[in-house]
């Protein structure tokens, strides 16, 4: 099928084969369409990465400033003074 989008070639090694086998269990309607299974796997992997990053970002935002005021002025300097020269 003609396209202006880049195409990618992938060799079905053991890792890819295992991923396709598991994907076929999850999406049996695509069992005989490995290209469609690969596309679905890429989309799901991208979604998982994005959700993980979103979760980390949300955790940083939720805890931002939580320890404000826990350490007084000069605390870091006092710690450094305890270090051996």
PDB file of N, CA and C in Angstrom:
ATOM      1  N   UNK A   1       0.852  -1.172   0.000  1.00  0.00           N
ATOM      2  CA  UNK A   1       0.000   0.000   0.000  1.00  0.00           C
ATOM      3  C   UNK A   1       0.898   1.235   0.000  1.00  0.00           C
ATOM      4  N   UNK A   2       0.696   2.161  -0.925  1.00  0.00           N
ATOM      5  CA  UNK A   2       1.521   3.365  -0.984  1.00  0.00           C
ATOM      6  C   UNK A   2       1.330   4.242   0.255  1.00  0.00           C
ATOM      7  N   UNK A   3       2.432   4.817   0.693  1.00  0.00           N
ATOM      8  CA  UNK A   3       2.382   5.726   1.833  1.00  0.00           C
ATOM      9  C   UNK A   3       3.562   6.675   1.761  1.00  0.00           C
ATOM     10  N   UNK A   4       3.401   7.841   2.336  1.00  0.00           N
ATOM     11  CA  UNK A   4       4.517   8.778   2.443  1.00  0.00           C
ATOM     12  C   UNK A   4       5.203   8.636   3.797  1.00  0.00           C
ATOM     13  N   UNK A   5       4.630   7.838   4.683  1.00  0.00           N
ATOM     14  CA  UNK A   5       5.201   7.625   6.011  1.00  0.00           C
ATOM     15  C   UNK A   5       6.390   6.676   5.924  1.00  0.00           C
ATOM     16  N   UNK A   6       7.361   6.827   6.829  1.00  0.00           N
ATOM     17  CA  UNK A   6       8.482   5.887   6.847  1.00  0.00           C
ATOM     18  C   UNK A   6       7.992   4.483   7.191  1.00  0.00           C
ATOM     19  N   UNK A   7       8.664   3.508   6.643  1.00  0.00           N
ATOM     20  CA  UNK A   7       8.365   2.109   6.966  1.00  0.00           C
ATOM     21  C   UNK A   7       9.527   1.556   7.786  1.00  0.00           C
ATOM     22  N   UNK A   8       9.234   0.548   8.614  1.00  0.00           N
ATOM     23  CA  UNK A   8      10.253  -0.068   9.458  1.00  0.00           C
ATOM     24  C   UNK A   8      10.215  -1.573   9.242  1.00  0.00           C
ATOM     25  N   UNK A   9      11.383  -2.172   9.239  1.00  0.00           N
ATOM     26  CA  UNK A   9      11.490  -3.615   9.088  1.00  0.00           C
ATOM     27  C   UNK A   9      11.906  -4.195  10.425  1.00  0.00           C
ATOM     28  N   UNK A  10      11.277  -5.298  10.802  1.00  0.00           N
ATOM     29  CA  UNK A  10      11.607  -5.932  12.079  1.00  0.00           C
ATOM     30  C   UNK A  10      11.723  -7.438  11.857  1.00  0.00           C
ATOM     31  N   UNK A  11      12.751  -8.026  12.432  1.00  0.00           N
ATOM     32  CA  UNK A  11      12.952  -9.465  12.333  1.00  0.00           C
ATOM     33  C   UNK A  11      12.215 -10.149  13.470  1.00  0.00           C
ATOM     34  N   UNK A  12      11.520 -11.216  13.144  1.00  0.00           N
ATOM     35  CA  UNK A  12      10.767 -11.937  14.171  1.00  0.00           C
ATOM     36  C   UNK A  12      11.711 -12.889  14.907  1.00  0.00           C
ATOM     37  N   UNK A  13      12.409 -12.337  15.895  1.00  0.00           N
ATOM     38  CA  UNK A  13      13.277 -13.160  16.732  1.00  0.00           C
ATOM     39  C   UNK A  13      12.456 -13.711  17.896  1.00  0.00           C
ATOM     40  N   UNK A  14      13.129 -14.309  18.870  1.00  0.00           N
ATOM     41  CA  UNK A  14      12.414 -14.932  19.997  1.00  0.00           C
ATOM     42  C   UNK A  14      11.591 -13.921  20.787  1.00  0.00           C
ATOM     43  N   UNK A  15      12.147 -12.738  21.004  1.00  0.00           N
ATOM     44  CA  UNK A  15      11.447 -11.712  21.784  1.00  0.00           C
ATOM     45  C   UNK A  15      10.201 -11.243  21.043  1.00  0.00           C
ATOM     46  N   UNK A  16      10.356 -10.962  19.759  1.00  0.00           N
ATOM     47  CA  UNK A  16       9.215 -10.499  18.962  1.00  0.00           C
ATOM     48  C   UNK A  16       8.171 -11.601  18.855  1.00  0.00           C
ATOM     49  N   UNK A  17       8.616 -12.831  18.642  1.00  0.00           N
ATOM     50  CA  UNK A  17       7.690 -13.962  18.537  1.00  0.00           C
ATOM     51  C   UNK A  17       6.888 -14.127  19.828  1.00  0.00           C
ATOM     52  N   UNK A  18       7.557 -14.040  20.971  1.00  0.00           N
ATOM     53  CA  UNK A  18       6.856 -14.175  22.257  1.00  0.00           C
ATOM     54  C   UNK A  18       5.849 -13.044  22.435  1.00  0.00           C
ATOM     55  N   UNK A  19       6.240 -11.834  22.051  1.00  0.00           N
ATOM     56  CA  UNK A  19       5.320 -10.696  22.163  1.00  0.00           C
ATOM     57  C   UNK A  19       4.110 -10.890  21.258  1.00  0.00           C
ATOM     58  N   UNK A  20       4.337 -11.370  20.043  1.00  0.00           N
ATOM     59  CA  UNK A  20       3.224 -11.623  19.119  1.00  0.00           C
ATOM     60  C   UNK A  20       2.303 -12.721  19.647  1.00  0.00           C
ATOM     61  N   UNK A  21       2.893 -13.768  20.215  1.00  0.00           N
ATOM     62  CA  UNK A  21       2.071 -14.857  20.767  1.00  0.00           C
ATOM     63  C   UNK A  21       1.177 -14.349  21.890  1.00  0.00           C
ATOM     64  N   UNK A  22       1.743 -13.554  22.790  1.00  0.00           N
ATOM     65  CA  UNK A  22       0.938 -13.016  23.890  1.00  0.00           C
ATOM     66  C   UNK A  22      -0.091 -12.017  23.387  1.00  0.00           C
ATOM     67  N   UNK A  23       0.299 -11.220  22.406  1.00  0.00           N
ATOM     68  CA  UNK A  23      -0.640 -10.252  21.833  1.00  0.00           C
ATOM     69  C   UNK A  23      -1.810 -10.970  21.167  1.00  0.00           C
ATOM     70  N   UNK A  24      -1.539 -12.095  20.518  1.00  0.00           N
ATOM     71  CA  UNK A  24      -2.605 -12.860  19.860  1.00  0.00           C
ATOM     72  C   UNK A  24      -3.595 -13.416  20.874  1.00  0.00           C
ATOM     73  N   UNK A  25      -3.131 -13.697  22.075  1.00  0.00           N
ATOM     74  CA  UNK A  25      -4.050 -14.147  23.130  1.00  0.00           C
ATOM     75  C   UNK A  25      -4.943 -12.999  23.588  1.00  0.00           C
ATOM     76  N   UNK A  26      -4.383 -11.819  23.631  1.00  0.00           N
ATOM     77  CA  UNK A  26      -5.148 -10.650  24.077  1.00  0.00           C
ATOM     78  C   UNK A  26      -6.092 -10.133  22.993  1.00  0.00           C
ATOM     79  N   UNK A  27      -5.633 -10.183  21.739  1.00  0.00           N
ATOM     80  CA  UNK A  27      -6.436  -9.707  20.604  1.00  0.00           C
ATOM     81  C   UNK A  27      -6.560 -10.833  19.575  1.00  0.00           C
ATOM     82  N   UNK A  28      -7.343 -11.860  19.873  1.00  0.00           N
ATOM     83  CA  UNK A  28      -7.426 -13.033  18.987  1.00  0.00           C
ATOM     84  C   UNK A  28      -7.921 -12.706  17.579  1.00  0.00           C
ATOM     85  N   UNK A  29      -8.669 -11.628  17.423  1.00  0.00           N
ATOM     86  CA  UNK A  29      -9.154 -11.256  16.091  1.00  0.00           C
ATOM     87  C   UNK A  29      -8.005 -10.837  15.161  1.00  0.00           C
ATOM     88  N   UNK A  30      -6.838 -10.564  15.742  1.00  0.00           N
ATOM     89  CA  UNK A  30      -5.672 -10.166  14.951  1.00  0.00           C
ATOM     90  C   UNK A  30      -4.625 -11.275  14.854  1.00  0.00           C
ATOM     91  N   UNK A  31      -4.963 -12.469  15.329  1.00  0.00           N
ATOM     92  CA  UNK A  31      -4.009 -13.582  15.393  1.00  0.00           C
ATOM     93  C   UNK A  31      -3.283 -13.801  14.066  1.00  0.00           C
ATOM     94  N   UNK A  32      -3.992 -13.737  12.966  1.00  0.00           N
ATOM     95  CA  UNK A  32      -3.396 -14.008  11.654  1.00  0.00           C
ATOM     96  C   UNK A  32      -2.940 -12.737  10.938  1.00  0.00           C
ATOM     97  N   UNK A  33      -2.799 -11.651  11.684  1.00  0.00           N
ATOM     98  CA  UNK A  33      -2.377 -10.366  11.107  1.00  0.00           C
ATOM     99  C   UNK A  33      -1.214  -9.805  11.922  1.00  0.00           C
ATOM    100  N   UNK A  34      -0.019 -10.375  11.778  1.00  0.00           N
ATOM    101  CA  UNK A  34       1.112  -9.958  12.616  1.00  0.00           C
ATOM    102  C   UNK A  34       1.437  -8.467  12.525  1.00  0.00           C
ATOM    103  N   UNK A  35       1.263  -7.866  11.363  1.00  0.00           N
ATOM    104  CA  UNK A  35       1.535  -6.426  11.250  1.00  0.00           C
ATOM    105  C   UNK A  35       0.587  -5.625  12.124  1.00  0.00           C
ATOM    106  N   UNK A  36      -0.679  -6.040  12.140  1.00  0.00           N
ATOM    107  CA  UNK A  36      -1.673  -5.355  12.985  1.00  0.00           C
ATOM    108  C   UNK A  36      -1.358  -5.593  14.463  1.00  0.00           C
ATOM    109  N   UNK A  37      -0.926  -6.826  14.799  1.00  0.00           N
ATOM    110  CA  UNK A  37      -0.550  -7.113  16.191  1.00  0.00           C
ATOM    111  C   UNK A  37       0.632  -6.240  16.617  1.00  0.00           C
ATOM    112  N   UNK A  38       1.628  -6.118  15.748  1.00  0.00           N
ATOM    113  CA  UNK A  38       2.788  -5.276  16.077  1.00  0.00           C
ATOM    114  C   UNK A  38       2.372  -3.829  16.285  1.00  0.00           C
ATOM    115  N   UNK A  39       1.507  -3.337  15.420  1.00  0.00           N
ATOM    116  CA  UNK A  39       1.045  -1.950  15.566  1.00  0.00           C
ATOM    117  C   UNK A  39       0.313  -1.772  16.895  1.00  0.00           C
ATOM    118  N   UNK A  40      -0.519  -2.752  17.259  1.00  0.00           N
ATOM    119  CA  UNK A  40      -1.257  -2.679  18.525  1.00  0.00           C
ATOM    120  C   UNK A  40      -0.284  -2.725  19.697  1.00  0.00           C
ATOM    121  N   UNK A  41       0.731  -3.591  19.606  1.00  0.00           N
ATOM    122  CA  UNK A  41       1.743  -3.663  20.664  1.00  0.00           C
ATOM    123  C   UNK A  41       2.488  -2.339  20.815  1.00  0.00           C
ATOM    124  N   UNK A  42       2.842  -1.718  19.705  1.00  0.00           N
ATOM    125  CA  UNK A  42       3.528  -0.422  19.760  1.00  0.00           C
ATOM    126  C   UNK A  42       2.625   0.611  20.417  1.00  0.00           C
ATOM    127  N   UNK A  43       1.362   0.637  20.020  1.00  0.00           N
ATOM    128  CA  UNK A  43       0.422   1.608  20.593  1.00  0.00           C
ATOM    129  C   UNK A  43       0.250   1.383  22.094  1.00  0.00           C
ATOM    130  N   UNK A  44       0.117   0.129  22.504  1.00  0.00           N
ATOM    131  CA  UNK A  44      -0.049  -0.183  23.928  1.00  0.00           C
ATOM    132  C   UNK A  44       1.219   0.140  24.713  1.00  0.00           C
ATOM    133  N   UNK A  45       2.379  -0.153  24.132  1.00  0.00           N
ATOM    134  CA  UNK A  45       3.638   0.188  24.790  1.00  0.00           C
ATOM    135  C   UNK A  45       3.785   1.690  24.957  1.00  0.00           C
ATOM    136  N   UNK A  46       3.419   2.434  23.939  1.00  0.00           N
ATOM    137  CA  UNK A  46       3.480   3.895  24.017  1.00  0.00           C
ATOM    138  C   UNK A  46       2.540   4.409  25.094  1.00  0.00           C
ATOM    139  N   UNK A  47       1.335   3.867  25.140  1.00  0.00           N
ATOM    140  CA  UNK A  47       0.367   4.278  26.159  1.00  0.00           C
ATOM    141  C   UNK A  47       0.921   4.002  27.557  1.00  0.00           C
ATOM    142  N   UNK A  48       1.521   2.824  27.750  1.00  0.00           N
ATOM    143  CA  UNK A  48       2.067   2.461  29.060  1.00  0.00           C
ATOM    144  C   UNK A  48       3.204   3.399  29.467  1.00  0.00           C
ATOM    145  N   UNK A  49       4.071   3.729  28.529  1.00  0.00           N
ATOM    146  CA  UNK A  49       5.173   4.650  28.822  1.00  0.00           C
ATOM    147  C   UNK A  49       4.631   6.026  29.189  1.00  0.00           C
ATOM    148  N   UNK A  50       3.655   6.488  28.425  1.00  0.00           N
ATOM    149  CA  UNK A  50       3.064   7.807  28.679  1.00  0.00           C
ATOM    150  C   UNK A  50       2.380   7.836  30.045  1.00  0.00           C
ATOM    151  N   UNK A  51       1.625   6.777  30.370  1.00  0.00           N
ATOM    152  CA  UNK A  51       0.952   6.724  31.677  1.00  0.00           C
ATOM    153  C   UNK A  51       1.960   6.695  32.811  1.00  0.00           C
ATOM    154  N   UNK A  52       3.053   5.971  32.628  1.00  0.00           N
ATOM    155  CA  UNK A  52       4.087   5.908  33.658  1.00  0.00           C
ATOM    156  C   UNK A  52       4.700   7.290  33.877  1.00  0.00           C
ATOM    157  N   UNK A  53       5.004   7.978  32.786  1.00  0.00           N
ATOM    158  CA  UNK A  53       5.570   9.328  32.897  1.00  0.00           C
ATOM    159  C   UNK A  53       4.561  10.278  33.531  1.00  0.00           C
ATOM    160  N   UNK A  54       3.300  10.158  33.147  1.00  0.00           N
ATOM    161  CA  UNK A  54       2.260  11.008  33.734  1.00  0.00           C
ATOM    162  C   UNK A  54       2.141  10.755  35.235  1.00  0.00           C
ATOM    163  N   UNK A  55       2.251   9.485  35.644  1.00  0.00           N
ATOM    164  CA  UNK A  55       2.177   9.142  37.063  1.00  0.00           C
ATOM    165  C   UNK A  55       3.334   9.727  37.851  1.00  0.00           C
ATOM    166  N   UNK A  56       4.533   9.625  37.284  1.00  0.00           N
ATOM    167  CA  UNK A  56       5.704  10.211  37.959  1.00  0.00           C
ATOM    168  C   UNK A  56       5.558  11.724  38.064  1.00  0.00           C
ATOM    169  N   UNK A  57       5.112  12.336  36.985  1.00  0.00           N
ATOM    170  CA  UNK A  57       4.928  13.794  36.986  1.00  0.00           C
ATOM    171  C   UNK A  57       3.906  14.194  38.044  1.00  0.00           C
ATOM    172  N   UNK A  58       2.807  13.461  38.129  1.00  0.00           N
ATOM    173  CA  UNK A  58       1.769  13.766  39.114  1.00  0.00           C
ATOM    174  C   UNK A  58       2.312  13.615  40.532  1.00  0.00           C
ATOM    175  N   UNK A  59       3.148  12.594  40.763  1.00  0.00           N
ATOM    176  CA  UNK A  59       3.728  12.393  42.092  1.00  0.00           C
ATOM    177  C   UNK A  59       4.655  13.545  42.462  1.00  0.00           C
ATOM    178  N   UNK A  60       5.439  14.006  41.498  1.00  0.00           N
ATOM    179  CA  UNK A  60       6.334  15.142  41.764  1.00  0.00           C
ATOM    180  C   UNK A  60       5.516  16.381  42.095  1.00  0.00           C
ATOM    181  N   UNK A  61       4.483  16.632  41.318  1.00  0.00           N
ATOM    182  CA  UNK A  61       3.638  17.805  41.562  1.00  0.00           C
ATOM    183  C   UNK A  61       2.941  17.696  42.916  1.00  0.00           C
ATOM    184  N   UNK A  62       2.439  16.499  43.244  1.00  0.00           N
ATOM    185  CA  UNK A  62       1.708  16.307  44.500  1.00  0.00           C
ATOM    186  C   UNK A  62       2.603  16.493  45.720  1.00  0.00           C
ATOM    187  N   UNK A  63       3.881  16.173  45.584  1.00  0.00           N
ATOM    188  CA  UNK A  63       4.779  16.262  46.740  1.00  0.00           C
ATOM    189  C   UNK A  63       5.674  17.498  46.700  1.00  0.00           C
ATOM    190  N   UNK A  64       5.539  18.300  45.677  1.00  0.00           N
ATOM    191  CA  UNK A  64       6.353  19.506  45.560  1.00  0.00           C
ATOM    192  C   UNK A  64       6.121  20.423  46.761  1.00  0.00           C
ATOM    193  N   UNK A  65       7.201  20.760  47.433  1.00  0.00           N
ATOM    194  CA  UNK A  65       7.122  21.681  48.561  1.00  0.00           C
ATOM    195  C   UNK A  65       6.677  21.044  49.862  1.00  0.00           C
ATOM    196  N   UNK A  66       6.502  19.730  49.886  1.00  0.00           N
ATOM    197  CA  UNK A  66       5.976  19.059  51.080  1.00  0.00           C
ATOM    198  C   UNK A  66       6.913  19.204  52.286  1.00  0.00           C
ATOM    199  N   UNK A  67       8.212  19.369  52.018  1.00  0.00           N
ATOM    200  CA  UNK A  67       9.166  19.472  53.128  1.00  0.00           C
ATOM    201  C   UNK A  67       9.621  20.911  53.374  1.00  0.00           C
ATOM    202  N   UNK A  68       8.914  21.860  52.774  1.00  0.00           N
ATOM    203  CA  UNK A  68       9.275  23.264  52.976  1.00  0.00           C
ATOM    204  C   UNK A  68       9.236  23.592  54.467  1.00  0.00           C
ATOM    205  N   UNK A  69      10.321  24.141  54.958  1.00  0.00           N
ATOM    206  CA  UNK A  69      10.397  24.522  56.361  1.00  0.00           C
ATOM    207  C   UNK A  69      10.863  23.410  57.282  1.00  0.00           C
ATOM    208  N   UNK A  70      11.085  22.218  56.749  1.00  0.00           N
ATOM    209  CA  UNK A  70      11.521  21.102  57.598  1.00  0.00           C
ATOM    210  C   UNK A  70      12.945  21.311  58.104  1.00  0.00           C
ATOM    211  N   UNK A  71      13.739  22.021  57.353  1.00  0.00           N
ATOM    212  CA  UNK A  71      15.123  22.282  57.739  1.00  0.00           C
ATOM    213  C   UNK A  71      15.317  23.787  57.835  1.00  0.00           C
ATOM    214  N   UNK A  72      15.906  24.199  58.922  1.00  0.00           N
ATOM    215  CA  UNK A  72      16.106  25.625  59.155  1.00  0.00           C
ATOM    216  C   UNK A  72      17.218  26.211  58.305  1.00  0.00           C
ATOM    217  N   UNK A  73      17.316  27.537  58.329  1.00  0.00           N
ATOM    218  CA  UNK A  73      18.388  28.205  57.595  1.00  0.00           C
ATOM    219  C   UNK A  73      19.749  27.734  58.110  1.00  0.00           C
ATOM    220  N   UNK A  74      20.657  27.508  57.208  1.00  0.00           N
ATOM    221  CA  UNK A  74      22.003  27.103  57.604  1.00  0.00           C
ATOM    222  C   UNK A  74      22.162  25.618  57.852  1.00  0.00           C
ATOM    223  N   UNK A  75      21.109  24.830  57.714  1.00  0.00           N
ATOM    224  CA  UNK A  75      21.179  23.394  57.999  1.00  0.00           C
ATOM    225  C   UNK A  75      22.205  22.702  57.103  1.00  0.00           C
ATOM    226  N   UNK A  76      22.190  23.022  55.827  1.00  0.00           N
ATOM    227  CA  UNK A  76      23.130  22.394  54.906  1.00  0.00           C
ATOM    228  C   UNK A  76      24.568  22.744  55.279  1.00  0.00           C
ATOM    229  N   UNK A  77      24.804  23.975  55.636  1.00  0.00           N
ATOM    230  CA  UNK A  77      26.144  24.384  56.060  1.00  0.00           C
ATOM    231  C   UNK A  77      26.595  23.626  57.297  1.00  0.00           C
ATOM    232  N   UNK A  78      25.677  23.416  58.244  1.00  0.00           N
ATOM    233  CA  UNK A  78      26.003  22.658  59.461  1.00  0.00           C
ATOM    234  C   UNK A  78      26.379  21.222  59.114  1.00  0.00           C
ATOM    235  N   UNK A  79      25.647  20.623  58.196  1.00  0.00           N
ATOM    236  CA  UNK A  79      25.984  19.262  57.777  1.00  0.00           C
ATOM    237  C   UNK A  79      27.367  19.219  57.145  1.00  0.00           C
ATOM    238  N   UNK A  80      27.642  20.182  56.305  1.00  0.00           N
ATOM    239  CA  UNK A  80      28.944  20.209  55.634  1.00  0.00           C
ATOM    240  C   UNK A  80      30.079  20.421  56.631  1.00  0.00           C
ATOM    241  N   UNK A  81      29.817  21.171  57.685  1.00  0.00           N
ATOM    242  CA  UNK A  81      30.843  21.400  58.705  1.00  0.00           C
ATOM    243  C   UNK A  81      31.207  20.105  59.420  1.00  0.00           C
ATOM    244  N   UNK A  82      30.282  19.133  59.444  1.00  0.00           N
ATOM    245  CA  UNK A  82      30.534  17.856  60.109  1.00  0.00           C
ATOM    246  C   UNK A  82      31.398  16.923  59.259  1.00  0.00           C
ATOM    247  N   UNK A  83      31.493  17.185  57.966  1.00  0.00           N
ATOM    248  CA  UNK A  83      32.259  16.315  57.077  1.00  0.00           C
ATOM    249  C   UNK A  83      33.747  16.482  57.329  1.00  0.00           C
ATOM    250  N   UNK A  84      34.482  15.397  57.235  1.00  0.00           N
ATOM    251  CA  UNK A  84      35.940  15.517  57.383  1.00  0.00           C
ATOM    252  C   UNK A  84      36.524  16.334  56.228  1.00  0.00           C
ATOM    253  N   UNK A  85      37.585  17.042  56.514  1.00  0.00           N
ATOM    254  CA  UNK A  85      38.224  17.898  55.483  1.00  0.00           C
ATOM    255  C   UNK A  85      38.971  17.080  54.476  1.00  0.00           C
TER     256      UNK A  85
END
